[in-house]
Each structure stands twice: as C-alpha cells, then as structure tokens.
Amino acid sequence: MEEIRKMALDRRTTIMALSILLIAVLVGLNFEKFTGKYAFKKAFREDQEPVLSKVYVSNDPSVVKMDNPTVKIGKKVYFTVEVGSEGCKRKLAIYRKAGGARQAQLELDQNCGGNKCRPDRITWADYRIPNHWEGDYCGRVWDWETQDYIKPGACFTV
C-alpha cells in the first residue's frame, strides 16, 4: 500500500514539475509581449516612412556607385545593396534590360542570414562577366516592403 502511495506522489511531483517548466517556457517565449518591448518596436516602425532597398553597380571594387558603367567580358561587375527597412531576399538577380530574362543569380552573404538580408544594412557581391554576354544588363533584389523586385535596378553595359 505504501508503494502505491509513493508512486502516486512521484507522479504528482513529475506532473507538477513539467507544468512549471511549460509555464516558464511559454513566459520566456512571449516575454517581449508582456514587457511592452514588442509593442514599442511595432509602434516605432509604424511611425517611420518605409525605406526601400537600393542596388548600386560599379566596374571598380573601390567605387560603390557608377551610372551605367561599361564592364568588359571576363571582368567583374560589383554590386552594393543598401537594404531597406523591411529587408530583402539574399539573392540578387542579373537580367537583360531589354527582355527582362534572368541571366544569373548571386548570393548576398554579408549581413544576411537564411533567406533574408537584415534591414538597414549594407551588403555586396561581385560577378565575373561570361564570354557570351553583350548588351545592357541590370541587377535587382526582392524587397520585403513592396513584396516585389526593385525596378529598374542598377544597370551596366557589356
């Protein structure tokens, strides 16, 4: 009889400990909502004007922005992305300016993680121009604020 009482006591203790642990986890995961930090961050974002991502292009690694630079075959083109207030996807697409078909896709690594580049940061990438390219091309990113690609993007000539 005492053994059954001891098992029941152990079971109650285990259930009580698991209940306390579950409550602690739930409070920990929602702590920002309890303290008001979540509401403050949301209100702060709503008061600001949204900032869209911007793409800059250059044929020189020491220069961030050039207006329609000329890049020779086999040389590199350099992209700098100023990420907007909601972030952007970490892929930069290079497409033909005339037809819009995507020719290449670059991974943006700096200040990016997962599938997204963090808001209000700077990131960059470079790409070596293949032998068969000729004409006008542009680079663009998907901006989370507009839920679309930033157009026309940063353009260059091969």
N, C-alpha and C. Protein backbone atom coordinates (compact mmCIF):
# COMPACT_ATOMS: atom_id res chain seq x y z
N MET A 1 0.82 -1.19 0.00
CA MET A 1 0.00 0.00 0.00
C MET A 1 0.87 1.27 0.00
N GLU A 2 1.91 1.24 0.78
CA GLU A 2 2.80 2.39 0.84
C GLU A 2 3.52 2.60 -0.49
N GLU A 3 3.81 1.54 -1.21
CA GLU A 3 4.46 1.63 -2.52
C GLU A 3 3.56 2.34 -3.53
N ILE A 4 2.26 2.08 -3.48
CA ILE A 4 1.31 2.74 -4.40
C ILE A 4 1.25 4.23 -4.07
N ARG A 5 1.24 4.56 -2.76
CA ARG A 5 1.21 5.95 -2.35
C ARG A 5 2.47 6.69 -2.81
N LYS A 6 3.61 6.03 -2.73
CA LYS A 6 4.87 6.63 -3.14
C LYS A 6 4.88 6.86 -4.66
N MET A 7 4.34 5.91 -5.47
CA MET A 7 4.27 6.07 -6.93
C MET A 7 3.35 7.22 -7.29
N ALA A 8 2.23 7.36 -6.59
CA ALA A 8 1.29 8.45 -6.85
C ALA A 8 1.94 9.79 -6.53
N LEU A 9 2.70 9.84 -5.44
CA LEU A 9 3.40 11.06 -5.07
C LEU A 9 4.47 11.42 -6.11
N ASP A 10 5.20 10.41 -6.60
CA ASP A 10 6.19 10.65 -7.66
C ASP A 10 5.53 11.15 -8.93
N ARG A 11 4.38 10.59 -9.27
CA ARG A 11 3.66 11.00 -10.48
C ARG A 11 3.20 12.46 -10.34
N ARG A 12 2.65 12.83 -9.16
CA ARG A 12 2.22 14.21 -8.94
C ARG A 12 3.39 15.18 -9.02
N THR A 13 4.51 14.78 -8.45
CA THR A 13 5.70 15.62 -8.48
C THR A 13 6.18 15.83 -9.91
N THR A 14 6.18 14.77 -10.69
CA THR A 14 6.61 14.86 -12.10
C THR A 14 5.66 15.76 -12.89
N ILE A 15 4.36 15.58 -12.69
CA ILE A 15 3.39 16.41 -13.42
C ILE A 15 3.52 17.87 -13.01
N MET A 16 3.72 18.13 -11.74
CA MET A 16 3.87 19.50 -11.26
C MET A 16 5.14 20.13 -11.83
N ALA A 17 6.24 19.39 -11.86
CA ALA A 17 7.50 19.91 -12.40
C ALA A 17 7.37 20.21 -13.88
N LEU A 18 6.72 19.32 -14.64
CA LEU A 18 6.53 19.56 -16.08
C LEU A 18 5.61 20.75 -16.32
N SER A 19 4.59 20.93 -15.49
CA SER A 19 3.69 22.08 -15.64
C SER A 19 4.43 23.38 -15.40
N ILE A 20 5.26 23.42 -14.36
CA ILE A 20 6.04 24.62 -14.07
C ILE A 20 7.02 24.91 -15.20
N LEU A 21 7.65 23.88 -15.73
CA LEU A 21 8.58 24.05 -16.84
C LEU A 21 7.86 24.58 -18.08
N LEU A 22 6.67 24.06 -18.39
CA LEU A 22 5.90 24.52 -19.54
C LEU A 22 5.52 26.00 -19.39
N ILE A 23 5.09 26.39 -18.20
CA ILE A 23 4.74 27.79 -17.96
C ILE A 23 5.96 28.69 -18.12
N ALA A 24 7.10 28.25 -17.60
CA ALA A 24 8.33 29.04 -17.72
C ALA A 24 8.72 29.22 -19.18
N VAL A 25 8.60 28.18 -19.98
CA VAL A 25 8.94 28.26 -21.41
C VAL A 25 7.99 29.22 -22.13
N LEU A 26 6.69 29.11 -21.85
CA LEU A 26 5.72 30.00 -22.50
C LEU A 26 5.96 31.46 -22.14
N VAL A 27 6.26 31.72 -20.87
CA VAL A 27 6.55 33.10 -20.46
C VAL A 27 7.83 33.59 -21.14
N GLY A 28 8.85 32.73 -21.21
CA GLY A 28 10.11 33.12 -21.84
C GLY A 28 9.96 33.44 -23.31
N LEU A 29 9.16 32.66 -24.02
CA LEU A 29 8.97 32.88 -25.45
C LEU A 29 8.15 34.13 -25.74
N ASN A 30 7.30 34.54 -24.82
CA ASN A 30 6.43 35.70 -25.03
C ASN A 30 6.79 36.88 -24.14
N PHE A 31 8.02 36.92 -23.65
CA PHE A 31 8.43 37.94 -22.70
C PHE A 31 8.31 39.35 -23.27
N GLU A 32 8.65 39.52 -24.56
CA GLU A 32 8.57 40.85 -25.18
C GLU A 32 7.14 41.38 -25.17
N LYS A 33 6.17 40.50 -25.35
CA LYS A 33 4.77 40.93 -25.35
C LYS A 33 4.32 41.35 -23.96
N PHE A 34 4.84 40.70 -22.93
CA PHE A 34 4.47 41.05 -21.56
C PHE A 34 5.10 42.37 -21.14
N THR A 35 6.31 42.64 -21.57
CA THR A 35 7.02 43.84 -21.13
C THR A 35 6.71 45.08 -21.95
N GLY A 36 6.08 44.92 -23.09
CA GLY A 36 5.77 46.06 -23.94
C GLY A 36 6.83 46.36 -24.96
N LYS A 37 7.96 45.66 -24.94
CA LYS A 37 9.02 45.91 -25.91
C LYS A 37 8.52 45.63 -27.33
N TYR A 38 7.72 44.57 -27.49
CA TYR A 38 7.16 44.21 -28.79
C TYR A 38 6.29 45.35 -29.32
N ALA A 39 5.42 45.88 -28.46
CA ALA A 39 4.53 46.97 -28.87
C ALA A 39 5.33 48.22 -29.22
N PHE A 40 6.40 48.49 -28.45
CA PHE A 40 7.23 49.66 -28.72
C PHE A 40 7.92 49.53 -30.07
N LYS A 41 8.50 48.36 -30.36
CA LYS A 41 9.18 48.17 -31.64
C LYS A 41 8.19 48.31 -32.79
N LYS A 42 6.99 47.74 -32.65
CA LYS A 42 5.99 47.81 -33.71
C LYS A 42 5.55 49.26 -33.93
N ALA A 43 5.29 50.00 -32.85
CA ALA A 43 4.87 51.39 -32.96
C ALA A 43 5.99 52.23 -33.55
N PHE A 44 7.23 51.96 -33.20
CA PHE A 44 8.37 52.70 -33.73
C PHE A 44 8.46 52.52 -35.23
N ARG A 45 8.27 51.29 -35.75
CA ARG A 45 8.33 51.02 -37.19
C ARG A 45 7.18 51.71 -37.92
N GLU A 46 5.98 51.76 -37.31
CA GLU A 46 4.83 52.37 -37.97
C GLU A 46 4.99 53.87 -38.11
N ASP A 47 5.72 54.51 -37.18
CA ASP A 47 5.91 55.95 -37.24
C ASP A 47 6.88 56.37 -38.33
N GLN A 48 7.75 55.47 -38.75
CA GLN A 48 8.75 55.80 -39.76
C GLN A 48 8.23 55.53 -41.17
N GLU A 49 8.74 56.33 -42.10
CA GLU A 49 8.46 56.08 -43.51
C GLU A 49 9.20 54.82 -43.94
N PRO A 50 8.58 53.95 -44.73
CA PRO A 50 9.31 52.76 -45.19
C PRO A 50 10.45 53.16 -46.13
N VAL A 51 11.56 52.45 -46.00
CA VAL A 51 12.72 52.69 -46.84
C VAL A 51 12.90 51.46 -47.73
N LEU A 52 12.95 51.67 -49.03
CA LEU A 52 13.10 50.56 -49.97
C LEU A 52 14.58 50.25 -50.16
N SER A 53 14.85 49.01 -50.53
CA SER A 53 16.23 48.60 -50.81
C SER A 53 16.71 49.28 -52.09
N LYS A 54 18.02 49.54 -52.17
CA LYS A 54 18.62 50.17 -53.34
C LYS A 54 19.80 49.33 -53.78
N VAL A 55 19.96 49.21 -55.10
CA VAL A 55 21.07 48.46 -55.67
C VAL A 55 21.96 49.42 -56.44
N TYR A 56 23.27 49.33 -56.19
CA TYR A 56 24.25 50.15 -56.90
C TYR A 56 25.20 49.23 -57.64
N VAL A 57 25.75 49.70 -58.76
CA VAL A 57 26.64 48.89 -59.58
C VAL A 57 27.89 49.68 -59.93
N SER A 58 28.99 48.94 -60.11
CA SER A 58 30.26 49.58 -60.45
C SER A 58 31.15 48.57 -61.16
N ASN A 59 32.12 49.07 -61.92
CA ASN A 59 33.12 48.19 -62.52
C ASN A 59 34.45 48.29 -61.78
N ASP A 60 34.45 48.99 -60.65
CA ASP A 60 35.65 49.19 -59.84
C ASP A 60 35.32 48.82 -58.40
N PRO A 61 36.08 47.91 -57.76
CA PRO A 61 35.74 47.49 -56.40
C PRO A 61 35.85 48.61 -55.36
N SER A 62 36.56 49.67 -55.64
CA SER A 62 36.70 50.76 -54.68
C SER A 62 35.63 51.84 -54.84
N VAL A 63 34.75 51.71 -55.85
CA VAL A 63 33.68 52.67 -56.09
C VAL A 63 32.35 51.97 -55.90
N VAL A 64 31.46 52.57 -55.11
CA VAL A 64 30.16 51.94 -54.83
C VAL A 64 29.16 52.15 -55.96
N LYS A 65 29.07 53.37 -56.48
CA LYS A 65 28.02 53.69 -57.45
C LYS A 65 28.58 54.37 -58.68
N MET A 66 28.21 53.83 -59.84
CA MET A 66 28.52 54.46 -61.13
C MET A 66 27.24 54.46 -61.96
N ASP A 67 27.08 55.44 -62.79
CA ASP A 67 25.91 55.47 -63.67
C ASP A 67 26.21 54.68 -64.93
N ASN A 68 25.52 53.56 -65.08
CA ASN A 68 25.63 52.69 -66.25
C ASN A 68 27.08 52.43 -66.66
N PRO A 69 27.88 51.80 -65.81
CA PRO A 69 29.29 51.54 -66.17
C PRO A 69 29.41 50.51 -67.28
N THR A 70 30.52 50.53 -67.99
CA THR A 70 30.82 49.53 -69.01
C THR A 70 31.76 48.50 -68.39
N VAL A 71 31.38 47.23 -68.52
CA VAL A 71 32.18 46.13 -67.97
C VAL A 71 32.60 45.25 -69.13
N LYS A 72 33.88 44.93 -69.19
CA LYS A 72 34.40 44.10 -70.28
C LYS A 72 34.18 42.62 -69.98
N ILE A 73 34.07 41.83 -71.04
CA ILE A 73 33.91 40.39 -70.90
C ILE A 73 35.10 39.83 -70.11
N GLY A 74 34.80 38.95 -69.17
CA GLY A 74 35.84 38.34 -68.34
C GLY A 74 36.20 39.16 -67.11
N LYS A 75 35.73 40.40 -67.03
CA LYS A 75 35.99 41.25 -65.87
C LYS A 75 34.81 41.16 -64.89
N LYS A 76 35.00 41.71 -63.71
CA LYS A 76 33.95 41.64 -62.69
C LYS A 76 33.10 42.89 -62.65
N VAL A 77 31.82 42.69 -62.32
CA VAL A 77 30.91 43.78 -62.02
C VAL A 77 30.62 43.68 -60.52
N TYR A 78 30.57 44.83 -59.83
CA TYR A 78 30.42 44.87 -58.38
C TYR A 78 29.08 45.49 -58.01
N PHE A 79 28.31 44.78 -57.18
CA PHE A 79 27.01 45.25 -56.73
C PHE A 79 27.07 45.56 -55.24
N THR A 80 26.47 46.67 -54.85
CA THR A 80 26.30 47.03 -53.44
C THR A 80 24.81 47.22 -53.22
N VAL A 81 24.29 46.59 -52.16
CA VAL A 81 22.86 46.68 -51.86
C VAL A 81 22.69 47.38 -50.52
N GLU A 82 21.94 48.45 -50.54
CA GLU A 82 21.53 49.14 -49.31
C GLU A 82 20.16 48.58 -48.96
N VAL A 83 20.13 47.74 -47.95
CA VAL A 83 18.91 47.01 -47.60
C VAL A 83 17.91 47.95 -46.94
N GLY A 84 16.64 47.85 -47.35
CA GLY A 84 15.59 48.72 -46.85
C GLY A 84 15.13 48.38 -45.45
N SER A 85 14.08 49.06 -45.00
CA SER A 85 13.61 48.95 -43.62
C SER A 85 12.95 47.61 -43.31
N GLU A 86 12.53 46.86 -44.29
CA GLU A 86 11.95 45.53 -44.04
C GLU A 86 12.86 44.40 -44.50
N GLY A 87 14.01 44.73 -45.06
CA GLY A 87 14.94 43.71 -45.53
C GLY A 87 14.67 43.34 -46.98
N CYS A 88 15.51 42.46 -47.51
CA CYS A 88 15.35 41.98 -48.88
C CYS A 88 15.80 40.53 -48.93
N LYS A 89 15.43 39.84 -50.00
CA LYS A 89 15.92 38.48 -50.17
C LYS A 89 17.41 38.51 -50.40
N ARG A 90 18.08 37.43 -50.06
CA ARG A 90 19.54 37.44 -50.16
C ARG A 90 20.05 37.06 -51.54
N LYS A 91 19.17 37.02 -52.53
CA LYS A 91 19.58 36.72 -53.90
C LYS A 91 19.44 37.97 -54.76
N LEU A 92 20.49 38.27 -55.49
CA LEU A 92 20.49 39.39 -56.42
C LEU A 92 20.41 38.79 -57.82
N ALA A 93 19.42 39.20 -58.60
CA ALA A 93 19.22 38.68 -59.95
C ALA A 93 19.80 39.65 -60.97
N ILE A 94 20.53 39.11 -61.94
CA ILE A 94 21.03 39.91 -63.07
C ILE A 94 20.19 39.51 -64.28
N TYR A 95 19.60 40.49 -64.91
CA TYR A 95 18.70 40.22 -66.04
C TYR A 95 19.01 41.17 -67.19
N ARG A 96 18.56 40.76 -68.39
CA ARG A 96 18.71 41.61 -69.57
C ARG A 96 17.77 42.79 -69.45
N LYS A 97 18.28 43.96 -69.69
CA LYS A 97 17.47 45.17 -69.56
C LYS A 97 16.34 45.20 -70.58
N ALA A 98 16.61 44.77 -71.79
CA ALA A 98 15.60 44.82 -72.86
C ALA A 98 14.52 43.75 -72.68
N GLY A 99 14.94 42.51 -72.42
CA GLY A 99 13.97 41.42 -72.36
C GLY A 99 13.54 41.02 -70.96
N GLY A 100 14.32 41.37 -69.96
CA GLY A 100 13.94 41.06 -68.60
C GLY A 100 14.23 39.64 -68.15
N ALA A 101 14.76 38.79 -69.02
CA ALA A 101 15.04 37.40 -68.64
C ALA A 101 16.25 37.35 -67.70
N ARG A 102 16.13 36.57 -66.63
CA ARG A 102 17.24 36.47 -65.67
C ARG A 102 18.39 35.69 -66.29
N GLN A 103 19.60 36.27 -66.19
CA GLN A 103 20.79 35.65 -66.75
C GLN A 103 21.66 34.99 -65.69
N ALA A 104 21.63 35.53 -64.47
CA ALA A 104 22.45 34.99 -63.37
C ALA A 104 21.81 35.37 -62.05
N GLN A 105 22.21 34.66 -61.01
CA GLN A 105 21.71 34.95 -59.67
C GLN A 105 22.88 34.85 -58.68
N LEU A 106 23.03 35.87 -57.84
CA LEU A 106 24.13 35.92 -56.88
C LEU A 106 23.60 35.80 -55.46
N GLU A 107 24.39 35.15 -54.60
CA GLU A 107 24.07 35.09 -53.17
C GLU A 107 24.71 36.29 -52.47
N LEU A 108 23.92 37.00 -51.70
CA LEU A 108 24.43 38.09 -50.88
C LEU A 108 24.74 37.50 -49.50
N ASP A 109 26.00 37.58 -49.09
CA ASP A 109 26.42 36.91 -47.85
C ASP A 109 26.57 37.86 -46.67
N GLN A 110 27.08 39.04 -46.89
CA GLN A 110 27.36 39.96 -45.80
C GLN A 110 26.06 40.51 -45.21
N ASN A 111 25.90 40.42 -43.89
CA ASN A 111 24.71 40.91 -43.17
C ASN A 111 23.43 40.23 -43.60
N CYS A 112 23.54 39.01 -44.08
CA CYS A 112 22.37 38.24 -44.49
C CYS A 112 22.40 36.89 -43.78
N GLY A 113 21.23 36.33 -43.58
CA GLY A 113 21.14 35.02 -42.98
C GLY A 113 19.86 34.34 -43.41
N GLY A 114 19.89 33.05 -43.55
CA GLY A 114 18.69 32.35 -44.02
C GLY A 114 18.36 32.78 -45.43
N ASN A 115 17.16 33.28 -45.63
CA ASN A 115 16.71 33.73 -46.94
C ASN A 115 16.61 35.25 -47.01
N LYS A 116 17.06 35.95 -45.96
CA LYS A 116 16.79 37.39 -45.88
C LYS A 116 18.04 38.16 -45.47
N CYS A 117 18.20 39.34 -46.06
CA CYS A 117 19.22 40.28 -45.62
C CYS A 117 18.58 41.18 -44.57
N ARG A 118 19.27 41.43 -43.49
CA ARG A 118 18.73 42.19 -42.37
C ARG A 118 18.45 43.64 -42.76
N PRO A 119 17.39 44.20 -42.19
CA PRO A 119 17.02 45.59 -42.52
C PRO A 119 18.11 46.59 -42.17
N ASP A 120 18.15 47.66 -42.94
CA ASP A 120 19.01 48.82 -42.69
C ASP A 120 20.49 48.45 -42.61
N ARG A 121 20.94 47.57 -43.49
CA ARG A 121 22.35 47.16 -43.54
C ARG A 121 22.86 47.33 -44.97
N ILE A 122 24.16 47.12 -45.14
CA ILE A 122 24.78 47.16 -46.46
C ILE A 122 25.35 45.77 -46.74
N THR A 123 25.15 45.29 -47.95
CA THR A 123 25.72 44.02 -48.38
C THR A 123 26.23 44.18 -49.80
N TRP A 124 27.01 43.22 -50.27
CA TRP A 124 27.62 43.35 -51.60
C TRP A 124 27.93 41.98 -52.18
N ALA A 125 28.16 42.00 -53.50
CA ALA A 125 28.56 40.79 -54.24
C ALA A 125 29.22 41.23 -55.53
N ASP A 126 29.99 40.31 -56.12
CA ASP A 126 30.57 40.60 -57.43
C ASP A 126 30.32 39.40 -58.34
N TYR A 127 30.45 39.66 -59.65
CA TYR A 127 30.16 38.63 -60.64
C TYR A 127 31.08 38.82 -61.84
N ARG A 128 31.70 37.73 -62.29
CA ARG A 128 32.56 37.78 -63.48
C ARG A 128 31.69 37.61 -64.73
N ILE A 129 31.84 38.52 -65.68
CA ILE A 129 31.01 38.53 -66.89
C ILE A 129 31.42 37.38 -67.82
N PRO A 130 30.46 36.52 -68.22
CA PRO A 130 30.78 35.42 -69.13
C PRO A 130 31.08 35.91 -70.55
N ASN A 131 31.70 35.04 -71.33
CA ASN A 131 32.12 35.39 -72.70
C ASN A 131 30.96 35.68 -73.65
N HIS A 132 29.82 35.10 -73.42
CA HIS A 132 28.71 35.23 -74.38
C HIS A 132 27.80 36.43 -74.10
N TRP A 133 28.05 37.21 -73.06
CA TRP A 133 27.20 38.36 -72.75
C TRP A 133 27.57 39.56 -73.61
N GLU A 134 26.52 40.27 -74.04
CA GLU A 134 26.68 41.50 -74.79
C GLU A 134 25.40 42.30 -74.67
N GLY A 135 25.51 43.58 -74.40
CA GLY A 135 24.32 44.43 -74.29
C GLY A 135 24.18 45.04 -72.90
N ASP A 136 22.94 45.39 -72.56
CA ASP A 136 22.65 46.05 -71.28
C ASP A 136 22.03 45.06 -70.31
N TYR A 137 22.52 45.08 -69.08
CA TYR A 137 22.03 44.19 -68.02
C TYR A 137 21.78 45.02 -66.76
N CYS A 138 20.92 44.49 -65.88
CA CYS A 138 20.62 45.17 -64.62
C CYS A 138 20.61 44.15 -63.48
N GLY A 139 20.92 44.63 -62.29
CA GLY A 139 20.84 43.80 -61.09
C GLY A 139 19.70 44.30 -60.22
N ARG A 140 18.95 43.39 -59.61
CA ARG A 140 17.83 43.80 -58.76
C ARG A 140 17.66 42.80 -57.61
N VAL A 141 17.01 43.26 -56.55
CA VAL A 141 16.71 42.41 -55.40
C VAL A 141 15.22 42.47 -55.10
N TRP A 142 14.74 41.43 -54.41
CA TRP A 142 13.34 41.37 -53.95
C TRP A 142 13.27 42.09 -52.62
N ASP A 143 12.45 43.13 -52.53
CA ASP A 143 12.30 43.92 -51.31
C ASP A 143 11.06 43.47 -50.55
N TRP A 144 11.20 43.23 -49.25
CA TRP A 144 10.06 42.74 -48.46
C TRP A 144 9.03 43.83 -48.20
N GLU A 145 9.39 45.09 -48.31
CA GLU A 145 8.43 46.17 -48.11
C GLU A 145 7.42 46.20 -49.25
N THR A 146 7.89 46.10 -50.49
CA THR A 146 7.00 46.18 -51.65
C THR A 146 6.50 44.81 -52.09
N GLN A 147 7.11 43.74 -51.58
CA GLN A 147 6.79 42.37 -52.00
C GLN A 147 6.99 42.20 -53.50
N ASP A 148 8.03 42.87 -54.01
CA ASP A 148 8.33 42.80 -55.45
C ASP A 148 9.81 43.15 -55.64
N TYR A 149 10.28 42.92 -56.87
CA TYR A 149 11.64 43.32 -57.21
C TYR A 149 11.73 44.84 -57.32
N ILE A 150 12.84 45.39 -56.88
CA ILE A 150 13.10 46.83 -57.04
C ILE A 150 13.47 47.04 -58.51
N LYS A 151 12.69 47.88 -59.20
CA LYS A 151 12.91 48.09 -60.63
C LYS A 151 13.25 49.55 -60.87
N PRO A 152 14.07 49.91 -61.79
CA PRO A 152 14.74 49.07 -62.77
C PRO A 152 15.99 48.39 -62.25
N GLY A 153 16.44 48.72 -61.03
CA GLY A 153 17.68 48.13 -60.54
C GLY A 153 18.88 48.95 -60.99
N ALA A 154 20.05 48.37 -60.80
CA ALA A 154 21.30 49.04 -61.19
C ALA A 154 21.79 48.42 -62.49
N CYS A 155 21.95 49.23 -63.52
CA CYS A 155 22.23 48.70 -64.87
C CYS A 155 23.69 48.97 -65.27
N PHE A 156 24.19 48.10 -66.15
CA PHE A 156 25.53 48.22 -66.69
C PHE A 156 25.54 47.69 -68.13
N THR A 157 26.58 48.02 -68.87
CA THR A 157 26.72 47.63 -70.28
C THR A 157 27.95 46.73 -70.42
N VAL A 158 27.79 45.67 -71.22
CA VAL A 158 28.91 44.77 -71.54
C VAL A 158 29.35 45.07 -72.95
